Amino acid sequence: MQWDDTPHAGFTSSASEPWMRVNDNYTEVNVKQQLAKKTSVLMYWRKLLALRQQHIDVFAHGTFCDIDEKNPSISISIKRHNDKAALVICNFTSSQQPLSIPQEFKGRELLLSNVDHSETSMLAP
């Protein structure tokens, strides 16, 4: 784990080298740096895990239904449990993709996104 930008990435304060080599990017990519940035990968995962805990019935115990889409670059699935449902949409490319949200989810609350949300028919990378 790269904890901070100190020698050995904060893993140890010992002068001797750790048994595992530290990544070269430890000064830019580390927990301390990620905690300071609201849009970091670490903060996104924290939000995602909190969302899972908040809706554990759906995300842990719900049934999974993959929506058959003609676009193989995106994944759209629904998790359902009793009267609750969550729509999960992922774009696996570096370009915008056309998006069609199922009717039952139109107008619903957006719980999590890793990009600024906009009302559009395009899904950001």
Protein backbone atom coordinates (compact mmCIF):
# COMPACT_ATOMS: atom_id res chain seq x y z
CA MET A 1 0.00 0.00 0.00
CA GLN A 2 1.34 3.41 -0.94
CA TRP A 3 0.40 5.45 2.12
CA ASP A 4 2.10 8.77 1.35
CA ASP A 5 4.97 10.44 -0.53
CA THR A 6 7.66 9.73 2.07
CA PRO A 7 10.47 7.23 1.41
CA HIS A 8 9.15 3.69 0.99
CA ALA A 9 5.69 5.22 0.40
CA GLY A 10 5.08 5.42 4.15
CA PHE A 11 5.05 1.63 4.44
CA THR A 12 8.01 1.70 6.81
CA SER A 13 10.26 4.30 8.39
CA SER A 14 13.18 1.88 8.49
CA ALA A 15 16.34 2.83 6.59
CA SER A 16 16.47 -0.66 5.11
CA GLU A 17 14.55 -1.40 1.94
CA PRO A 18 11.13 -3.10 2.23
CA TRP A 19 11.00 -6.64 0.90
CA MET A 20 8.71 -5.53 -1.94
CA ARG A 21 9.68 -2.75 -4.33
CA VAL A 22 7.63 0.46 -4.10
CA ASN A 23 6.01 1.64 -7.34
CA ASP A 24 7.76 4.54 -9.03
CA ASN A 25 4.60 6.68 -8.86
CA TYR A 26 4.26 6.60 -5.05
CA THR A 27 4.82 10.37 -4.77
CA GLU A 28 1.78 11.06 -6.97
CA VAL A 29 -0.47 8.06 -6.25
CA ASN A 30 -0.92 7.32 -2.56
CA VAL A 31 -3.59 7.22 0.12
CA LYS A 32 -2.74 10.66 1.53
CA GLN A 33 -3.06 12.25 -1.91
CA GLN A 34 -6.28 10.36 -2.68
CA LEU A 35 -7.90 11.39 0.63
CA ALA A 36 -7.33 15.05 -0.23
CA LYS A 37 -9.17 14.83 -3.55
CA LYS A 38 -12.97 14.35 -3.60
CA THR A 39 -12.87 12.84 -7.10
CA SER A 40 -10.08 10.33 -6.44
CA VAL A 41 -10.44 6.62 -7.06
CA LEU A 42 -10.19 5.94 -3.31
CA MET A 43 -13.00 8.37 -2.52
CA TYR A 44 -15.14 6.90 -5.30
CA TRP A 45 -14.69 3.40 -3.85
CA ARG A 46 -15.57 4.66 -0.38
CA LYS A 47 -18.81 6.12 -1.76
CA LEU A 48 -19.51 2.89 -3.64
CA LEU A 49 -19.01 0.76 -0.53
CA ALA A 50 -21.19 3.11 1.53
CA LEU A 51 -23.91 2.85 -1.12
CA ARG A 52 -23.68 -0.95 -0.97
CA GLN A 53 -24.08 -0.87 2.82
CA GLN A 54 -27.00 1.57 2.60
CA HIS A 55 -28.79 -0.68 0.09
CA ILE A 56 -27.38 -4.06 1.16
CA ASP A 57 -30.66 -5.83 0.41
CA VAL A 58 -30.44 -4.93 -3.28
CA PHE A 59 -26.70 -5.10 -3.90
CA ALA A 60 -25.88 -8.16 -1.79
CA HIS A 61 -29.08 -10.19 -2.00
CA GLY A 62 -30.81 -8.95 -5.13
CA THR A 63 -31.14 -10.79 -8.40
CA PHE A 64 -29.01 -9.71 -11.34
CA CYS A 65 -30.42 -9.07 -14.80
CA ASP A 66 -28.15 -8.09 -17.68
CA ILE A 67 -29.99 -5.93 -20.18
CA ASP A 68 -29.23 -7.05 -23.71
CA GLU A 69 -27.77 -4.03 -25.46
CA LYS A 70 -26.60 -3.76 -29.02
CA ASN A 71 -23.55 -1.75 -27.90
CA PRO A 72 -20.82 -4.09 -26.54
CA SER A 73 -18.85 -1.08 -25.25
CA ILE A 74 -21.27 -0.50 -22.37
CA SER A 75 -22.86 -2.69 -19.73
CA ILE A 76 -26.35 -2.08 -18.38
CA SER A 77 -27.71 -4.27 -15.62
CA ILE A 78 -30.44 -4.20 -13.01
CA LYS A 79 -30.25 -5.53 -9.46
CA ARG A 80 -33.65 -6.21 -7.87
CA HIS A 81 -34.79 -7.22 -4.41
CA ASN A 82 -38.47 -7.17 -3.46
CA ASP A 83 -39.78 -3.71 -4.45
CA LYS A 84 -36.32 -2.11 -4.85
CA ALA A 85 -34.20 -1.91 -7.97
CA ALA A 86 -30.88 -0.39 -8.96
CA LEU A 87 -29.70 0.35 -12.48
CA VAL A 88 -25.94 0.01 -13.07
CA ILE A 89 -24.44 1.45 -16.25
CA CYS A 90 -20.75 1.23 -17.17
CA ASN A 91 -18.87 2.59 -20.17
CA PHE A 92 -15.72 0.55 -20.80
CA THR A 93 -14.29 2.83 -23.48
CA SER A 94 -12.46 6.15 -23.62
CA SER A 95 -15.18 7.74 -25.76
CA GLN A 96 -18.81 8.75 -25.31
CA GLN A 97 -21.37 6.05 -26.03
CA PRO A 98 -25.06 6.32 -26.93
CA LEU A 99 -27.30 5.58 -23.96
CA SER A 100 -30.91 4.57 -23.63
CA ILE A 101 -32.17 4.41 -20.03
CA PRO A 102 -34.98 1.89 -19.42
CA GLN A 103 -38.34 3.63 -18.97
CA GLU A 104 -38.85 2.46 -15.38
CA PHE A 105 -35.67 4.31 -14.32
CA LYS A 106 -36.29 7.62 -16.07
CA GLY A 107 -36.65 10.45 -13.57
CA ARG A 108 -35.16 8.39 -10.72
CA GLU A 109 -32.46 9.64 -8.36
CA LEU A 110 -28.84 9.21 -9.46
CA LEU A 111 -27.01 7.68 -6.50
CA LEU A 112 -23.43 7.58 -7.80
CA SER A 113 -21.45 8.66 -10.83
CA ASN A 114 -17.78 9.16 -11.54
CA VAL A 115 -18.46 12.04 -13.96
CA ASP A 116 -20.57 15.18 -13.80
CA HIS A 117 -24.17 14.19 -14.43
CA SER A 118 -26.07 15.69 -17.31
CA GLU A 119 -29.37 14.94 -18.95
CA THR A 120 -28.11 13.51 -22.21
CA SER A 121 -28.43 10.46 -24.38
CA MET A 122 -24.65 10.02 -24.33
CA LEU A 123 -22.70 8.12 -21.67
CA ALA A 124 -19.35 9.68 -20.78
CA PRO A 125 -16.20 7.54 -20.67
